[in-house]
Amino acid sequence: MALETWVMAHEPLLRVGFFVGVFMLVALWELVSPRRALSLQRRQRWSANLGMVLLNTVLVRVLFPTVAVGMAALGAERGWGLLNNFAVPFWLAVPLAVVAMDFVIWLQHVMVHAVPALWRLHRVHHADLDYDLTTGTRFHPLEIVLSMGIKFASIALLGAPVLAVVVFEVLLSACAMFNHGNIRLPERVDRVLRWFMVTPDMHRVHHSVEDDETNSNFGFNLAWWDRLFGTYRERPRAGQQGMRIGIRDHRDPHEVARLPGMLALPFRSAVDGYTINRRRWSDAPDPAP
């Protein structure tokens, strides 16, 4: 299709354009109407978090010269995946693929909390001592490699159209910056929005130091999955202002707010109770005698 050909030709520019535009919008919003006071200097955290983004971008381009859009085009050419083998109209295939890929991301997010070895990688994201739009961009390079592999497999299995992949990637990036934003939404607006999409107040609960709160609200984009599968939590026990952000045993800024420390974090200390299958919070049921 002419539209998909155009999208493929301009995919890098589209993604960069949306990333920069949303980043600037949320950053300005944070300055005008912050939700919480930050504990560290923005310069310190942003240099580390955005340094990780730069490192991951280079790594992905080196290890995955065929980006996700290329995988979608290859799948269409060779007839891979469900949507390429059934007579699904294009106008329906695109939203179906976007929703399906969002569900895969939700499942992946649950998985990296449930498997201790994967939590080692994912805790780099959670170890940020503050919560703002750059938190949504900080992931360990090994987790990015894992995520790319899962993304490629899901695109091939679904037979996702090129347009769906671009829409999904743009939405995922934009929503990650929005729902990690240190921004204030009117309570009524937040209450309505979180029936459809993940809001900052909803996702911030997921970054609490409390184990049970960390293991809730896994969504990045669509808010349906947490409600459907029983992992939705409306608010933290201490409230949005009183909750502590980060990981209880990793509070040293040199470890969690400097790039060398962040890269080394997965290989330090034992895996603790934050993983789903090692719960130890105070309101968990007592173990059987």
C-alpha atoms as a PDB file:
ATOM      1  CA  MET A   1       0.000   0.000   0.000  1.00  0.00           C
ATOM      2  CA  ALA A   2       1.107   3.527  -0.759  1.00  0.00           C
ATOM      3  CA  LEU A   3       0.613   4.594   2.868  1.00  0.00           C
ATOM      4  CA  GLU A   4       2.799   1.792   4.220  1.00  0.00           C
ATOM      5  CA  THR A   5       5.488   2.508   1.616  1.00  0.00           C
ATOM      6  CA  TRP A   6       5.544   6.144   2.703  1.00  0.00           C
ATOM      7  CA  VAL A   7       5.638   5.171   6.387  1.00  0.00           C
ATOM      8  CA  MET A   8       8.556   2.793   5.815  1.00  0.00           C
ATOM      9  CA  ALA A   9      10.491   5.470   3.929  1.00  0.00           C
ATOM     10  CA  HIS A  10       9.994   8.032   6.718  1.00  0.00           C
ATOM     11  CA  GLU A  11       9.899   5.736   9.778  1.00  0.00           C
ATOM     12  CA  PRO A  12      13.100   7.035  11.455  1.00  0.00           C
ATOM     13  CA  LEU A  13      12.029  10.659  11.034  1.00  0.00           C
ATOM     14  CA  LEU A  14       8.519   9.921  12.327  1.00  0.00           C
ATOM     15  CA  ARG A  15       9.793   8.181  15.433  1.00  0.00           C
ATOM     16  CA  VAL A  16      12.412  10.807  16.246  1.00  0.00           C
ATOM     17  CA  GLY A  17       9.931  13.611  15.587  1.00  0.00           C
ATOM     18  CA  PHE A  18       7.314  12.177  17.932  1.00  0.00           C
ATOM     19  CA  PHE A  19       9.925  11.384  20.586  1.00  0.00           C
ATOM     20  CA  VAL A  20      11.348  14.912  20.602  1.00  0.00           C
ATOM     21  CA  GLY A  21       7.899  16.521  20.449  1.00  0.00           C
ATOM     22  CA  VAL A  22       6.450  14.504  23.342  1.00  0.00           C
ATOM     23  CA  PHE A  23       9.649  14.847  25.373  1.00  0.00           C
ATOM     24  CA  MET A  24       9.575  18.635  25.100  1.00  0.00           C
ATOM     25  CA  LEU A  25       5.850  18.787  25.894  1.00  0.00           C
ATOM     26  CA  VAL A  26       6.086  16.603  29.013  1.00  0.00           C
ATOM     27  CA  ALA A  27       9.312  18.305  30.175  1.00  0.00           C
ATOM     28  CA  LEU A  28       7.582  21.702  29.980  1.00  0.00           C
ATOM     29  CA  TRP A  29       4.534  20.295  31.777  1.00  0.00           C
ATOM     30  CA  GLU A  30       6.797  19.033  34.573  1.00  0.00           C
ATOM     31  CA  LEU A  31       8.227  22.519  35.027  1.00  0.00           C
ATOM     32  CA  VAL A  32       4.828  24.222  35.055  1.00  0.00           C
ATOM     33  CA  SER A  33       2.872  21.714  37.152  1.00  0.00           C
ATOM     34  CA  PRO A  34       5.048  19.136  38.959  1.00  0.00           C
ATOM     35  CA  ARG A  35       3.337  16.370  40.956  1.00  0.00           C
ATOM     36  CA  ARG A  36       6.179  15.749  43.425  1.00  0.00           C
ATOM     37  CA  ALA A  37       9.373  17.482  44.535  1.00  0.00           C
ATOM     38  CA  LEU A  38      12.505  15.789  43.166  1.00  0.00           C
ATOM     39  CA  SER A  39      15.174  14.533  45.572  1.00  0.00           C
ATOM     40  CA  LEU A  40      18.142  14.711  43.169  1.00  0.00           C
ATOM     41  CA  GLN A  41      19.285  17.395  40.764  1.00  0.00           C
ATOM     42  CA  ARG A  42      17.713  17.026  37.346  1.00  0.00           C
ATOM     43  CA  ARG A  43      21.089  17.409  35.614  1.00  0.00           C
ATOM     44  CA  GLN A  44      22.527  14.435  37.492  1.00  0.00           C
ATOM     45  CA  ARG A  45      19.661  12.086  36.697  1.00  0.00           C
ATOM     46  CA  TRP A  46      18.990  13.238  33.162  1.00  0.00           C
ATOM     47  CA  SER A  47      22.624  12.838  32.099  1.00  0.00           C
ATOM     48  CA  ALA A  48      22.586   9.222  33.335  1.00  0.00           C
ATOM     49  CA  ASN A  49      19.110   8.324  32.072  1.00  0.00           C
ATOM     50  CA  LEU A  50      19.525   9.900  28.654  1.00  0.00           C
ATOM     51  CA  GLY A  51      23.052   8.508  28.417  1.00  0.00           C
ATOM     52  CA  MET A  52      21.445   5.071  28.756  1.00  0.00           C
ATOM     53  CA  VAL A  53      19.032   5.962  25.933  1.00  0.00           C
ATOM     54  CA  LEU A  54      21.937   6.898  23.666  1.00  0.00           C
ATOM     55  CA  LEU A  55      23.818   3.704  24.514  1.00  0.00           C
ATOM     56  CA  ASN A  56      20.746   1.548  23.855  1.00  0.00           C
ATOM     57  CA  THR A  57      20.018   3.292  20.555  1.00  0.00           C
ATOM     58  CA  VAL A  58      23.517   2.533  19.272  1.00  0.00           C
ATOM     59  CA  LEU A  59      23.315  -1.055  20.550  1.00  0.00           C
ATOM     60  CA  VAL A  60      19.987  -1.728  18.822  1.00  0.00           C
ATOM     61  CA  ARG A  61      21.222  -0.331  15.517  1.00  0.00           C
ATOM     62  CA  VAL A  62      24.329  -2.536  15.693  1.00  0.00           C
ATOM     63  CA  LEU A  63      22.668  -5.773  16.827  1.00  0.00           C
ATOM     64  CA  PHE A  64      19.365  -5.351  14.991  1.00  0.00           C
ATOM     65  CA  PRO A  65      20.057  -3.725  11.609  1.00  0.00           C
ATOM     66  CA  THR A  66      16.595  -4.928  10.552  1.00  0.00           C
ATOM     67  CA  VAL A  67      14.344  -2.833  12.763  1.00  0.00           C
ATOM     68  CA  ALA A  68      10.816  -3.831  13.783  1.00  0.00           C
ATOM     69  CA  VAL A  69       9.309  -2.202  10.692  1.00  0.00           C
ATOM     70  CA  GLY A  70      11.626  -4.283   8.511  1.00  0.00           C
ATOM     71  CA  MET A  71      10.443  -7.437  10.279  1.00  0.00           C
ATOM     72  CA  ALA A  72       6.823  -6.487   9.549  1.00  0.00           C
ATOM     73  CA  ALA A  73       7.633  -5.897   5.866  1.00  0.00           C
ATOM     74  CA  LEU A  74       9.492  -9.211   5.654  1.00  0.00           C
ATOM     75  CA  GLY A  75       6.561 -11.006   7.285  1.00  0.00           C
ATOM     76  CA  ALA A  76       4.118  -9.522   4.778  1.00  0.00           C
ATOM     77  CA  GLU A  77       6.377 -10.490   1.882  1.00  0.00           C
ATOM     78  CA  ARG A  78       6.729 -14.110   3.047  1.00  0.00           C
ATOM     79  CA  GLY A  79       3.241 -14.563   4.451  1.00  0.00           C
ATOM     80  CA  TRP A  80       4.242 -15.025   8.074  1.00  0.00           C
ATOM     81  CA  GLY A  81       1.769 -14.676  10.920  1.00  0.00           C
ATOM     82  CA  LEU A  82      -1.944 -14.803  11.600  1.00  0.00           C
ATOM     83  CA  LEU A  83      -2.980 -11.552   9.960  1.00  0.00           C
ATOM     84  CA  ASN A  84      -1.122 -12.437   6.760  1.00  0.00           C
ATOM     85  CA  ASN A  85      -2.956 -15.753   6.478  1.00  0.00           C
ATOM     86  CA  PHE A  86      -6.536 -14.666   7.090  1.00  0.00           C
ATOM     87  CA  ALA A  87      -8.665 -12.243   5.100  1.00  0.00           C
ATOM     88  CA  VAL A  88      -8.600  -9.475   7.697  1.00  0.00           C
ATOM     89  CA  PRO A  89      -9.294  -6.036   6.199  1.00  0.00           C
ATOM     90  CA  PHE A  90      -6.433  -3.573   6.607  1.00  0.00           C
ATOM     91  CA  TRP A  91      -8.534  -1.108   8.630  1.00  0.00           C
ATOM     92  CA  LEU A  92      -9.160  -3.857  11.199  1.00  0.00           C
ATOM     93  CA  ALA A  93      -5.733  -5.545  11.071  1.00  0.00           C
ATOM     94  CA  VAL A  94      -3.923  -2.375  12.185  1.00  0.00           C
ATOM     95  CA  PRO A  95      -5.808  -1.786  15.493  1.00  0.00           C
ATOM     96  CA  LEU A  96      -5.908  -5.537  16.211  1.00  0.00           C
ATOM     97  CA  ALA A  97      -2.129  -5.756  15.883  1.00  0.00           C
ATOM     98  CA  VAL A  98      -1.556  -2.639  18.008  1.00  0.00           C
ATOM     99  CA  VAL A  99      -3.755  -3.992  20.835  1.00  0.00           C
ATOM    100  CA  ALA A 100      -2.160  -7.458  20.605  1.00  0.00           C
ATOM    101  CA  MET A 101       1.371  -6.031  20.772  1.00  0.00           C
ATOM    102  CA  ASP A 102       0.385  -3.907  23.767  1.00  0.00           C
ATOM    103  CA  PHE A 103      -0.797  -7.074  25.519  1.00  0.00           C
ATOM    104  CA  VAL A 104       2.521  -8.770  24.727  1.00  0.00           C
ATOM    105  CA  ILE A 105       4.371  -5.830  26.310  1.00  0.00           C
ATOM    106  CA  TRP A 106       2.164  -6.143  29.397  1.00  0.00           C
ATOM    107  CA  LEU A 107       2.949  -9.869  29.634  1.00  0.00           C
ATOM    108  CA  GLN A 108       6.644  -9.156  29.175  1.00  0.00           C
ATOM    109  CA  HIS A 109       6.503  -6.603  31.983  1.00  0.00           C
ATOM    110  CA  VAL A 110       4.893  -9.130  34.319  1.00  0.00           C
ATOM    111  CA  MET A 111       7.524 -11.695  33.293  1.00  0.00           C
ATOM    112  CA  VAL A 112      10.486  -9.461  34.191  1.00  0.00           C
ATOM    113  CA  HIS A 113       8.981  -9.040  37.660  1.00  0.00           C
ATOM    114  CA  ALA A 114       8.239 -12.761  38.055  1.00  0.00           C
ATOM    115  CA  VAL A 115      11.590 -14.260  36.991  1.00  0.00           C
ATOM    116  CA  PRO A 116      14.389 -13.351  39.428  1.00  0.00           C
ATOM    117  CA  ALA A 117      17.124 -13.356  36.768  1.00  0.00           C
ATOM    118  CA  LEU A 118      15.100 -10.944  34.625  1.00  0.00           C
ATOM    119  CA  TRP A 119      14.245  -8.780  37.618  1.00  0.00           C
ATOM    120  CA  ARG A 120      17.987  -8.200  37.998  1.00  0.00           C
ATOM    121  CA  LEU A 121      17.870  -6.410  34.642  1.00  0.00           C
ATOM    122  CA  HIS A 122      14.540  -4.665  35.134  1.00  0.00           C
ATOM    123  CA  ARG A 123      15.417  -3.228  38.526  1.00  0.00           C
ATOM    124  CA  VAL A 124      17.656  -0.713  36.722  1.00  0.00           C
ATOM    125  CA  HIS A 125      14.412   0.891  35.568  1.00  0.00           C
ATOM    126  CA  HIS A 126      12.919   0.806  39.079  1.00  0.00           C
ATOM    127  CA  ALA A 127      16.021   1.986  40.933  1.00  0.00           C
ATOM    128  CA  ASP A 128      15.553   5.627  39.878  1.00  0.00           C
ATOM    129  CA  LEU A 129      15.186   7.637  43.101  1.00  0.00           C
ATOM    130  CA  ASP A 130      12.855  10.102  41.413  1.00  0.00           C
ATOM    131  CA  TYR A 131      10.085   9.711  38.889  1.00  0.00           C
ATOM    132  CA  ASP A 132       9.924  11.837  35.764  1.00  0.00           C
ATOM    133  CA  LEU A 133       9.748  11.403  31.992  1.00  0.00           C
ATOM    134  CA  THR A 134      13.355  10.194  31.757  1.00  0.00           C
ATOM    135  CA  THR A 135      12.521   7.281  34.090  1.00  0.00           C
ATOM    136  CA  GLY A 136      10.437   5.899  31.234  1.00  0.00           C
ATOM    137  CA  THR A 137      13.519   5.710  29.028  1.00  0.00           C
ATOM    138  CA  ARG A 138      16.063   4.058  31.357  1.00  0.00           C
ATOM    139  CA  PHE A 139      16.395   0.325  30.743  1.00  0.00           C
ATOM    140  CA  HIS A 140      19.487  -1.841  30.954  1.00  0.00           C
ATOM    141  CA  PRO A 141      20.937  -2.736  27.507  1.00  0.00           C
ATOM    142  CA  LEU A 142      20.446  -6.465  28.165  1.00  0.00           C
ATOM    143  CA  GLU A 143      16.755  -5.868  28.843  1.00  0.00           C
ATOM    144  CA  ILE A 144      16.521  -3.887  25.597  1.00  0.00           C
ATOM    145  CA  VAL A 145      18.018  -6.842  23.698  1.00  0.00           C
ATOM    146  CA  LEU A 146      15.486  -9.185  25.341  1.00  0.00           C
ATOM    147  CA  SER A 147      12.652  -6.798  24.525  1.00  0.00           C
ATOM    148  CA  MET A 148      13.697  -6.547  20.880  1.00  0.00           C
ATOM    149  CA  GLY A 149      13.745 -10.327  20.547  1.00  0.00           C
ATOM    150  CA  ILE A 150      10.222 -10.589  21.998  1.00  0.00           C
ATOM    151  CA  LYS A 151       9.035  -7.762  19.767  1.00  0.00           C
ATOM    152  CA  PHE A 152      10.407  -9.386  16.609  1.00  0.00           C
ATOM    153  CA  ALA A 153       8.812 -12.726  17.528  1.00  0.00           C
ATOM    154  CA  SER A 154       5.419 -11.143  18.238  1.00  0.00           C
ATOM    155  CA  ILE A 155       5.470  -9.196  14.953  1.00  0.00           C
ATOM    156  CA  ALA A 156       6.282 -12.382  13.020  1.00  0.00           C
ATOM    157  CA  LEU A 157       3.636 -14.468  14.799  1.00  0.00           C
ATOM    158  CA  LEU A 158       0.939 -11.816  14.455  1.00  0.00           C
ATOM    159  CA  GLY A 159       1.799 -10.810  10.912  1.00  0.00           C
ATOM    160  CA  ALA A 160       1.508  -7.212  12.065  1.00  0.00           C
ATOM    161  CA  PRO A 161       1.222  -4.632   9.260  1.00  0.00           C
ATOM    162  CA  VAL A 162       3.995  -2.069   8.882  1.00  0.00           C
ATOM    163  CA  LEU A 163       1.635   0.769   9.815  1.00  0.00           C
ATOM    164  CA  ALA A 164       0.595  -1.048  13.007  1.00  0.00           C
ATOM    165  CA  VAL A 165       4.221  -1.485  14.069  1.00  0.00           C
ATOM    166  CA  VAL A 166       5.018   2.204  13.547  1.00  0.00           C
ATOM    167  CA  VAL A 167       1.846   3.287  15.385  1.00  0.00           C
ATOM    168  CA  PHE A 168       2.645   0.921  18.244  1.00  0.00           C
ATOM    169  CA  GLU A 169       6.265   2.050  18.563  1.00  0.00           C
ATOM    170  CA  VAL A 170       5.297   5.730  18.521  1.00  0.00           C
ATOM    171  CA  LEU A 171       2.504   5.151  21.070  1.00  0.00           C
ATOM    172  CA  LEU A 172       4.731   3.093  23.358  1.00  0.00           C
ATOM    173  CA  SER A 173       7.463   5.730  23.415  1.00  0.00           C
ATOM    174  CA  ALA A 174       5.019   8.619  23.883  1.00  0.00           C
ATOM    175  CA  CYS A 175       2.994   6.861  26.580  1.00  0.00           C
ATOM    176  CA  ALA A 176       6.127   5.796  28.480  1.00  0.00           C
ATOM    177  CA  MET A 177       7.208   9.436  28.730  1.00  0.00           C
ATOM    178  CA  PHE A 178       3.688  10.636  29.566  1.00  0.00           C
ATOM    179  CA  ASN A 179       2.867   8.102  32.275  1.00  0.00           C
ATOM    180  CA  HIS A 180       6.312   8.476  33.845  1.00  0.00           C
ATOM    181  CA  GLY A 181       5.902  12.242  33.832  1.00  0.00           C
ATOM    182  CA  ASN A 182       6.170  14.163  37.085  1.00  0.00           C
ATOM    183  CA  ILE A 183       2.991  15.959  36.099  1.00  0.00           C
ATOM    184  CA  ARG A 184      -0.263  16.825  37.799  1.00  0.00           C
ATOM    185  CA  LEU A 185      -3.594  15.932  36.208  1.00  0.00           C
ATOM    186  CA  PRO A 186      -6.957  17.116  37.603  1.00  0.00           C
ATOM    187  CA  GLU A 187      -8.391  14.255  39.666  1.00  0.00           C
ATOM    188  CA  ARG A 188     -11.550  13.977  37.573  1.00  0.00           C
ATOM    189  CA  VAL A 189      -9.544  13.831  34.348  1.00  0.00           C
ATOM    190  CA  ASP A 190      -7.245  11.187  35.792  1.00  0.00           C
ATOM    191  CA  ARG A 191     -10.207   9.104  36.999  1.00  0.00           C
ATOM    192  CA  VAL A 192     -11.738   9.016  33.517  1.00  0.00           C
ATOM    193  CA  LEU A 193      -8.487   8.585  31.556  1.00  0.00           C
ATOM    194  CA  ARG A 194      -7.287   5.590  33.549  1.00  0.00           C
ATOM    195  CA  TRP A 195     -10.204   3.502  32.284  1.00  0.00           C
ATOM    196  CA  PHE A 196      -8.591   3.672  28.845  1.00  0.00           C
ATOM    197  CA  MET A 197      -4.928   4.586  29.169  1.00  0.00           C
ATOM    198  CA  VAL A 198      -2.256   4.499  31.868  1.00  0.00           C
ATOM    199  CA  THR A 199      -1.930   7.842  33.651  1.00  0.00           C
ATOM    200  CA  PRO A 200       1.070   9.118  35.634  1.00  0.00           C
ATOM    201  CA  ASP A 201      -0.673   8.678  38.995  1.00  0.00           C
ATOM    202  CA  MET A 202      -1.666   5.135  38.037  1.00  0.00           C
ATOM    203  CA  HIS A 203       1.786   4.018  36.919  1.00  0.00           C
ATOM    204  CA  ARG A 204       3.666   5.849  39.677  1.00  0.00           C
ATOM    205  CA  VAL A 205       2.248   3.283  42.130  1.00  0.00           C
ATOM    206  CA  HIS A 206       4.281   0.673  40.239  1.00  0.00           C
ATOM    207  CA  HIS A 207       7.493   2.521  41.192  1.00  0.00           C
ATOM    208  CA  SER A 208       6.853   2.427  44.936  1.00  0.00           C
ATOM    209  CA  VAL A 209       9.464   0.841  47.225  1.00  0.00           C
ATOM    210  CA  GLU A 210       6.688  -1.326  48.663  1.00  0.00           C
ATOM    211  CA  ASP A 211       6.828  -4.803  47.133  1.00  0.00           C
ATOM    212  CA  ASP A 212       3.094  -5.316  46.616  1.00  0.00           C
ATOM    213  CA  GLU A 213       2.688  -1.874  45.051  1.00  0.00           C
ATOM    214  CA  THR A 214       5.633  -2.494  42.724  1.00  0.00           C
ATOM    215  CA  ASN A 215       3.906  -5.674  41.549  1.00  0.00           C
ATOM    216  CA  SER A 216       0.795  -3.862  40.324  1.00  0.00           C
ATOM    217  CA  ASN A 217      -0.179  -1.542  37.447  1.00  0.00           C
ATOM    218  CA  PHE A 218       2.135  -3.116  34.854  1.00  0.00           C
ATOM    219  CA  GLY A 219       0.597  -1.348  31.841  1.00  0.00           C
ATOM    220  CA  PHE A 220       2.398   1.263  29.747  1.00  0.00           C
ATOM    221  CA  ASN A 221      -0.315   2.223  27.277  1.00  0.00           C
ATOM    222  CA  LEU A 222      -3.729   0.556  27.591  1.00  0.00           C
ATOM    223  CA  ALA A 223      -5.098   0.374  31.132  1.00  0.00           C
ATOM    224  CA  TRP A 224      -7.358  -2.623  30.465  1.00  0.00           C
ATOM    225  CA  TRP A 225      -4.932  -5.448  31.180  1.00  0.00           C
ATOM    226  CA  ASP A 226      -4.348  -4.664  34.855  1.00  0.00           C
ATOM    227  CA  ARG A 227      -8.077  -4.404  35.479  1.00  0.00           C
ATOM    228  CA  LEU A 228      -8.792  -7.631  33.580  1.00  0.00           C
ATOM    229  CA  PHE A 229      -6.085  -9.686  35.285  1.00  0.00           C
ATOM    230  CA  GLY A 230      -6.412  -8.341  38.816  1.00  0.00           C
ATOM    231  CA  THR A 231      -3.161  -6.377  39.054  1.00  0.00           C
ATOM    232  CA  TYR A 232      -4.763  -2.926  39.173  1.00  0.00           C
ATOM    233  CA  ARG A 233      -4.163  -0.753  42.244  1.00  0.00           C
ATOM    234  CA  GLU A 234      -5.858   2.606  42.511  1.00  0.00           C
ATOM    235  CA  ARG A 235      -3.409   4.397  44.801  1.00  0.00           C
ATOM    236  CA  PRO A 236      -0.397   3.797  47.060  1.00  0.00           C
ATOM    237  CA  ARG A 237      -1.016   3.386  50.796  1.00  0.00           C
ATOM    238  CA  ALA A 238       1.053   6.490  51.617  1.00  0.00           C
ATOM    239  CA  GLY A 239      -0.564   8.607  48.891  1.00  0.00           C
ATOM    240  CA  GLN A 240       1.104  10.120  45.832  1.00  0.00           C
ATOM    241  CA  GLN A 241       3.037  12.646  47.907  1.00  0.00           C
ATOM    242  CA  GLY A 242       4.036  10.309  50.725  1.00  0.00           C
ATOM    243  CA  MET A 243       5.115   7.223  48.769  1.00  0.00           C
ATOM    244  CA  ARG A 244       8.834   6.480  48.384  1.00  0.00           C
ATOM    245  CA  ILE A 245      10.129   5.908  44.858  1.00  0.00           C
ATOM    246  CA  GLY A 246      12.810   3.374  43.946  1.00  0.00           C
ATOM    247  CA  ILE A 247      14.090   0.128  45.454  1.00  0.00           C
ATOM    248  CA  ARG A 248      14.496  -0.211  49.191  1.00  0.00           C
ATOM    249  CA  ASP A 249      18.052  -1.609  49.217  1.00  0.00           C
ATOM    250  CA  HIS A 250      19.449   0.554  46.404  1.00  0.00           C
ATOM    251  CA  ARG A 251      19.471   4.193  47.535  1.00  0.00           C
ATOM    252  CA  ASP A 252      23.034   5.286  46.715  1.00  0.00           C
ATOM    253  CA  PRO A 253      22.961   7.901  43.910  1.00  0.00           C
ATOM    254  CA  HIS A 254      26.377   6.687  42.700  1.00  0.00           C
ATOM    255  CA  GLU A 255      24.806   3.297  42.046  1.00  0.00           C
ATOM    256  CA  VAL A 256      21.405   4.319  40.695  1.00  0.00           C
ATOM    257  CA  ALA A 257      21.943   7.802  39.217  1.00  0.00           C
ATOM    258  CA  ARG A 258      25.294   7.341  37.471  1.00  0.00           C
ATOM    259  CA  LEU A 259      25.660   5.451  34.210  1.00  0.00           C
ATOM    260  CA  PRO A 260      28.475   3.072  35.372  1.00  0.00           C
ATOM    261  CA  GLY A 261      26.508   2.153  38.487  1.00  0.00           C
ATOM    262  CA  MET A 262      23.327   1.554  36.500  1.00  0.00           C
ATOM    263  CA  LEU A 263      25.127  -0.729  34.042  1.00  0.00           C
ATOM    264  CA  ALA A 264      26.629  -2.760  36.903  1.00  0.00           C
ATOM    265  CA  LEU A 265      23.454  -2.922  39.022  1.00  0.00           C
ATOM    266  CA  PRO A 266      22.119  -6.261  37.650  1.00  0.00           C
ATOM    267  CA  PHE A 267      25.287  -8.002  38.770  1.00  0.00           C
ATOM    268  CA  ARG A 268      25.283  -6.683  42.335  1.00  0.00           C
ATOM    269  CA  SER A 269      23.684  -8.186  45.455  1.00  0.00           C
ATOM    270  CA  ALA A 270      21.135 -10.962  45.729  1.00  0.00           C
ATOM    271  CA  VAL A 271      17.717 -10.955  44.078  1.00  0.00           C
ATOM    272  CA  ASP A 272      15.309  -9.848  46.775  1.00  0.00           C
ATOM    273  CA  GLY A 273      11.617  -9.885  47.590  1.00  0.00           C
ATOM    274  CA  TYR A 274      10.503  -7.513  44.861  1.00  0.00           C
ATOM    275  CA  THR A 275      10.031 -10.355  42.396  1.00  0.00           C
ATOM    276  CA  ILE A 276       6.458 -11.617  42.284  1.00  0.00           C
ATOM    277  CA  ASN A 277       7.284 -15.134  43.430  1.00  0.00           C
ATOM    278  CA  ARG A 278       9.265 -13.976  46.477  1.00  0.00           C
ATOM    279  CA  ARG A 279       6.752 -11.739  48.179  1.00  0.00           C
ATOM    280  CA  ARG A 280       7.406 -10.639  51.742  1.00  0.00           C
ATOM    281  CA  TRP A 281       5.362  -7.491  52.320  1.00  0.00           C
ATOM    282  CA  SER A 282       3.577  -6.991  55.603  1.00  0.00           C
ATOM    283  CA  ASP A 283       0.014  -7.689  54.403  1.00  0.00           C
ATOM    284  CA  ALA A 284       0.914 -10.945  52.588  1.00  0.00           C
ATOM    285  CA  PRO A 285      -0.647 -14.126  54.050  1.00  0.00           C
ATOM    286  CA  ASP A 286       1.450 -16.067  56.527  1.00  0.00           C
ATOM    287  CA  PRO A 287       3.179 -19.131  55.057  1.00  0.00           C
ATOM    288  CA  ALA A 288       1.551 -22.452  55.765  1.00  0.00           C
ATOM    289  CA  PRO A 289       2.990 -24.285  58.790  1.00  0.00           C
END
